[in-house]
Amino acid sequence: MTNQPKKRVFSSFAHEDLAQVNGLRGLMQNPNHELEAYDESVREAIHSKNAGYIKQRIGEKIKRSSVTLCLISATTHKSGWVEWELEESARQGKTIIAMALKGVNHATAPKLIRERNIKFHGWDPSRLHMLIATAK
C-alpha cells in the first residue's frame, strides 16, 4: 500500500456486469489489498426515467472523480450509458482507464476507447492499482 491518498474512481460498466463490479469494489475496500480507491460510481439505481436528470447526477459523480475506469465485458460496447459516461469523462478531462473484467478474454472496447486509442488492459488488479495511482 502507498502513502498517497486514495483516488476517487468513477467506474463505467454495463449493468449486467454488476456482480463482477461488486467484486472489484470489495477489493478496493479491502485494507489488505494494494488496490485502493474511493468508488464514486452509481451504487443504487437513480429512480427516474428522466435521462437529463440521470445524466446530471452521473456527471456530478464523474466531476468528483480523479479517474474513470471503464470495466469491459463482451457486451459493454453495446451500452449507450457507458458511451455517454466515457464521453462525459473525456469532456471533463478525466483520465480514462479501460480494463477487462475478470475472466473476460475477448471483448470489443467501447467506441470512445477505440477512437482515442486508449489502451485496453486485460484483468490485472496490480496493474489497475498502478494505473489509478499514477493517473493525473
Protein backbone atom coordinates (compact mmCIF):
# COMPACT_ATOMS: atom_id res chain seq x y z
CA MET A 1 0.00 0.00 0.00
CA THR A 2 1.11 3.53 -0.68
CA ASN A 3 1.23 6.66 1.44
CA GLN A 4 -0.63 8.58 -1.27
CA PRO A 5 -4.26 9.45 -0.61
CA LYS A 6 -6.84 7.24 -2.29
CA LYS A 7 -8.05 8.46 -5.67
CA ARG A 8 -11.73 8.82 -6.43
CA VAL A 9 -12.70 6.45 -9.23
CA PHE A 10 -15.85 6.50 -11.32
CA SER A 11 -16.49 3.02 -12.72
CA SER A 12 -18.33 2.82 -16.01
CA PHE A 13 -19.78 -0.59 -16.81
CA ALA A 14 -22.75 -2.38 -18.34
CA HIS A 15 -25.49 -3.04 -15.79
CA GLU A 16 -25.43 -6.79 -16.43
CA ASP A 17 -21.85 -6.85 -15.09
CA LEU A 18 -22.82 -5.52 -11.66
CA ALA A 19 -21.93 -8.73 -9.77
CA GLN A 20 -18.37 -8.69 -11.13
CA VAL A 21 -18.03 -4.97 -10.49
CA ASN A 22 -19.14 -5.52 -6.89
CA GLY A 23 -16.26 -7.99 -6.55
CA LEU A 24 -13.82 -5.29 -7.66
CA ARG A 25 -15.42 -2.83 -5.23
CA GLY A 26 -14.72 -5.35 -2.48
CA LEU A 27 -11.03 -5.42 -3.44
CA MET A 28 -10.92 -1.62 -3.30
CA GLN A 29 -12.32 -1.66 0.24
CA ASN A 30 -10.03 -4.43 1.50
CA PRO A 31 -7.29 -2.83 3.63
CA ASN A 32 -5.02 -5.83 2.96
CA HIS A 33 -5.11 -5.35 -0.81
CA GLU A 34 -2.97 -2.83 -2.67
CA LEU A 35 -5.85 -1.70 -4.90
CA GLU A 36 -7.25 1.30 -3.03
CA ALA A 37 -9.75 3.84 -4.31
CA TYR A 38 -12.92 5.64 -3.35
CA ASP A 39 -15.70 4.41 -5.59
CA GLU A 40 -17.77 7.32 -6.95
CA SER A 41 -19.88 5.06 -9.18
CA VAL A 42 -23.63 4.76 -9.17
CA ARG A 43 -24.34 2.17 -6.48
CA GLU A 44 -28.11 2.38 -6.43
CA ALA A 45 -30.41 2.98 -9.34
CA ILE A 46 -31.28 6.61 -9.88
CA HIS A 47 -35.05 6.35 -9.69
CA SER A 48 -36.00 8.45 -12.65
CA LYS A 49 -36.95 7.94 -16.25
CA ASN A 50 -35.71 11.47 -16.99
CA ALA A 51 -32.45 10.95 -18.89
CA GLY A 52 -31.40 14.58 -18.30
CA TYR A 53 -31.71 14.18 -14.53
CA ILE A 54 -29.81 10.86 -14.59
CA LYS A 55 -27.02 12.43 -16.68
CA GLN A 56 -26.82 15.36 -14.25
CA ARG A 57 -26.41 13.01 -11.26
CA ILE A 58 -23.83 10.85 -13.03
CA GLY A 59 -21.99 13.95 -14.28
CA GLU A 60 -21.66 15.13 -10.66
CA LYS A 61 -20.10 11.78 -9.69
CA ILE A 62 -17.67 11.96 -12.60
CA LYS A 63 -16.75 15.53 -11.61
CA ARG A 64 -15.81 14.37 -8.08
CA SER A 65 -13.62 11.61 -9.51
CA SER A 66 -9.95 11.69 -10.42
CA VAL A 67 -10.23 8.92 -12.98
CA THR A 68 -12.85 6.98 -14.91
CA LEU A 69 -12.42 3.22 -15.03
CA CYS A 70 -14.24 1.50 -17.88
CA LEU A 71 -14.77 -2.13 -16.92
CA ILE A 72 -15.28 -4.12 -20.08
CA SER A 73 -17.14 -7.35 -20.77
CA ALA A 74 -18.31 -8.87 -24.04
CA THR A 75 -21.40 -6.60 -24.08
CA THR A 76 -20.08 -3.29 -22.69
CA HIS A 77 -19.61 -1.77 -26.16
CA LYS A 78 -23.40 -2.00 -26.69
CA SER A 79 -24.25 0.20 -23.68
CA GLY A 80 -25.37 3.71 -24.56
CA TRP A 81 -24.89 4.73 -20.93
CA VAL A 82 -21.26 3.57 -20.92
CA GLU A 83 -20.64 5.58 -24.10
CA TRP A 84 -22.22 8.67 -22.54
CA GLU A 85 -20.22 8.25 -19.29
CA LEU A 86 -16.98 7.95 -21.27
CA GLU A 87 -17.84 10.98 -23.40
CA GLU A 88 -18.68 13.00 -20.27
CA SER A 89 -15.46 11.85 -18.60
CA ALA A 90 -13.46 12.94 -21.65
CA ARG A 91 -15.34 16.26 -21.79
CA GLN A 92 -14.40 16.86 -18.15
CA GLY A 93 -10.75 15.99 -18.85
CA LYS A 94 -10.66 12.85 -16.74
CA THR A 95 -8.11 10.12 -17.28
CA ILE A 96 -9.86 7.05 -18.67
CA ILE A 97 -8.60 3.56 -17.91
CA ALA A 98 -10.00 0.60 -19.86
CA MET A 99 -9.72 -2.85 -18.32
CA ALA A 100 -11.42 -6.17 -18.98
CA LEU A 101 -13.39 -7.67 -16.14
CA LYS A 102 -12.01 -10.82 -14.53
CA GLY A 103 -12.50 -13.82 -16.80
CA VAL A 104 -13.08 -11.76 -19.96
CA ASN A 105 -10.64 -12.93 -22.61
CA HIS A 106 -12.19 -11.31 -25.69
CA ALA A 107 -14.32 -8.18 -25.98
CA THR A 108 -14.90 -5.18 -28.19
CA ALA A 109 -13.92 -1.94 -26.50
CA PRO A 110 -16.49 0.87 -26.41
CA LYS A 111 -16.34 3.35 -29.28
CA LEU A 112 -14.57 6.16 -27.38
CA ILE A 113 -11.87 3.78 -26.16
CA ARG A 114 -11.22 2.67 -29.75
CA GLU A 115 -11.41 6.16 -31.28
CA ARG A 116 -8.99 7.70 -28.77
CA ASN A 117 -6.65 4.71 -28.88
CA ILE A 118 -6.90 4.23 -25.13
CA LYS A 119 -5.02 1.09 -24.17
CA PHE A 120 -7.38 -1.77 -23.28
CA HIS A 121 -5.78 -3.79 -20.48
CA GLY A 122 -6.55 -7.39 -19.56
CA TRP A 123 -7.71 -8.05 -16.00
CA ASP A 124 -4.82 -7.35 -13.64
CA PRO A 125 -5.54 -5.82 -10.18
CA SER A 126 -1.87 -4.91 -9.62
CA ARG A 127 -1.69 -3.06 -12.93
CA LEU A 128 -5.02 -1.38 -12.16
CA HIS A 129 -3.61 -0.20 -8.83
CA MET A 130 -0.62 1.31 -10.64
CA LEU A 131 -2.77 2.91 -13.36
CA ILE A 132 -5.08 4.53 -10.81
CA ALA A 133 -2.23 5.66 -8.58
CA THR A 134 -0.35 7.33 -11.45
CA ALA A 135 -3.41 8.85 -13.20
CA LYS A 136 -3.38 12.64 -13.45
